[in-house]
Amino acid sequence: MTVLKPLFNKIVVRKIVPEQKVSAGGIVLTGAPKDFPDTATVIATSDGIYEGNVFRPIRVKAGDVVLLPKDTGTEAKFDGIVYHVINELDIFAIVNKD
């Protein structure tokens, strides 16, 4: 198994693909519009980054579900799984399901 440890202010995520439903007539029904932001599960994070003399830790952790822009980050495939490496600042929000 491959272990990914991002550097600086990078985060490794795995995008959550919405379930596609098919109508009785065979038309694929999607759950979200094409311009709706992606959701992803955080797989790994770096420790953080220094800005000047101040260390700024990463604010998300592995297992968090986050909201991020479409087509952000760099796609990487390891062990047959597609991951995306993104900057922390690209994340819009953490999704809390309470």
Protein backbone atom coordinates (compact mmCIF):
# COMPACT_ATOMS: atom_id res chain seq x y z
CA MET A 1 0.00 0.00 0.00
CA THR A 2 1.24 3.47 -0.89
CA VAL A 3 1.40 6.08 1.87
CA LEU A 4 1.17 9.69 0.70
CA LYS A 5 2.57 12.48 2.89
CA PRO A 6 2.10 15.92 1.29
CA LEU A 7 4.53 18.77 1.90
CA PHE A 8 4.15 22.48 2.72
CA ASN A 9 0.45 23.52 2.60
CA LYS A 10 -0.68 20.59 0.43
CA ILE A 11 -3.53 18.17 1.14
CA VAL A 12 -4.33 14.84 -0.50
CA VAL A 13 -8.05 14.26 -1.09
CA ARG A 14 -10.22 11.65 -2.76
CA LYS A 15 -13.18 13.19 -4.55
CA ILE A 16 -16.63 11.89 -3.72
CA VAL A 17 -18.38 10.91 -6.94
CA PRO A 18 -22.15 11.48 -6.72
CA GLU A 19 -24.23 8.39 -7.34
CA GLN A 20 -25.80 8.43 -10.78
CA LYS A 21 -29.39 7.30 -11.10
CA VAL A 22 -30.91 6.05 -14.31
CA SER A 23 -34.55 6.71 -15.17
CA ALA A 24 -36.84 3.96 -16.46
CA GLY A 25 -36.18 5.32 -19.97
CA GLY A 26 -32.39 4.97 -19.56
CA ILE A 27 -31.62 8.67 -19.01
CA VAL A 28 -28.77 9.30 -16.53
CA LEU A 29 -29.93 11.61 -13.73
CA THR A 30 -27.14 13.39 -11.86
CA GLY A 31 -27.45 14.63 -8.29
CA ALA A 32 -25.78 18.03 -8.73
CA PRO A 33 -25.37 20.60 -11.50
CA LYS A 34 -22.05 20.60 -13.37
CA ASP A 35 -20.96 23.92 -11.86
CA PHE A 36 -21.63 22.80 -8.26
CA PRO A 37 -18.43 22.51 -6.15
CA ASP A 38 -16.90 19.08 -5.56
CA THR A 39 -16.86 17.30 -2.23
CA ALA A 40 -13.87 15.24 -1.19
CA THR A 41 -12.56 13.24 1.73
CA VAL A 42 -9.22 14.34 3.17
CA ILE A 43 -6.77 11.43 3.01
CA ALA A 44 -3.56 13.07 4.26
CA THR A 45 -2.25 16.52 5.15
CA SER A 46 1.11 18.13 5.61
CA ASP A 47 2.02 19.54 9.02
CA GLY A 48 1.72 23.12 7.81
CA ILE A 49 3.85 25.93 6.43
CA TYR A 50 5.93 28.82 7.73
CA GLU A 51 4.78 32.29 6.72
CA GLY A 52 7.68 34.50 7.67
CA ASN A 53 8.60 33.40 11.20
CA VAL A 54 5.11 32.13 12.02
CA PHE A 55 4.18 28.47 11.62
CA ARG A 56 0.62 27.98 10.27
CA PRO A 57 -0.68 24.43 10.81
CA ILE A 58 -3.14 22.81 8.42
CA ARG A 59 -6.73 23.24 9.67
CA VAL A 60 -8.25 20.08 8.22
CA LYS A 61 -7.50 16.50 9.20
CA ALA A 62 -7.70 13.08 7.59
CA GLY A 63 -11.32 11.95 7.37
CA ASP A 64 -12.81 15.45 7.02
CA VAL A 65 -15.21 15.98 4.12
CA VAL A 66 -14.47 19.27 2.36
CA LEU A 67 -16.03 21.45 -0.33
CA LEU A 68 -13.69 22.58 -3.12
CA PRO A 69 -13.81 24.08 -6.62
CA LYS A 70 -14.27 21.91 -9.70
CA ASP A 71 -11.07 20.84 -11.45
CA THR A 72 -8.75 22.00 -8.66
CA GLY A 73 -5.48 20.34 -7.77
CA THR A 74 -3.27 17.80 -9.45
CA GLU A 75 -4.57 14.30 -10.13
CA ALA A 76 -2.38 11.38 -9.02
CA LYS A 77 -3.13 7.66 -9.28
CA PHE A 78 -1.62 5.19 -6.82
CA ASP A 79 -2.58 1.53 -6.36
CA GLY A 80 -5.48 2.06 -8.80
CA ILE A 81 -7.03 4.88 -6.71
CA VAL A 82 -7.32 8.44 -8.03
CA TYR A 83 -6.29 11.17 -5.57
CA HIS A 84 -6.02 14.95 -5.94
CA VAL A 85 -3.28 17.05 -4.34
CA ILE A 86 -4.63 20.51 -3.51
CA ASN A 87 -3.59 23.64 -1.64
CA GLU A 88 -5.26 24.23 1.71
CA LEU A 89 -6.42 27.65 0.53
CA ASP A 90 -8.47 26.01 -2.26
CA ILE A 91 -10.87 24.52 0.30
CA PHE A 92 -14.15 26.43 0.66
CA ALA A 93 -15.45 24.69 3.78
CA ILE A 94 -15.50 21.59 5.96
CA VAL A 95 -18.79 19.69 5.63
CA ASN A 96 -20.23 18.71 9.03
CA LYS A 97 -22.99 16.11 8.98
CA ASP A 98 -24.67 16.42 12.37
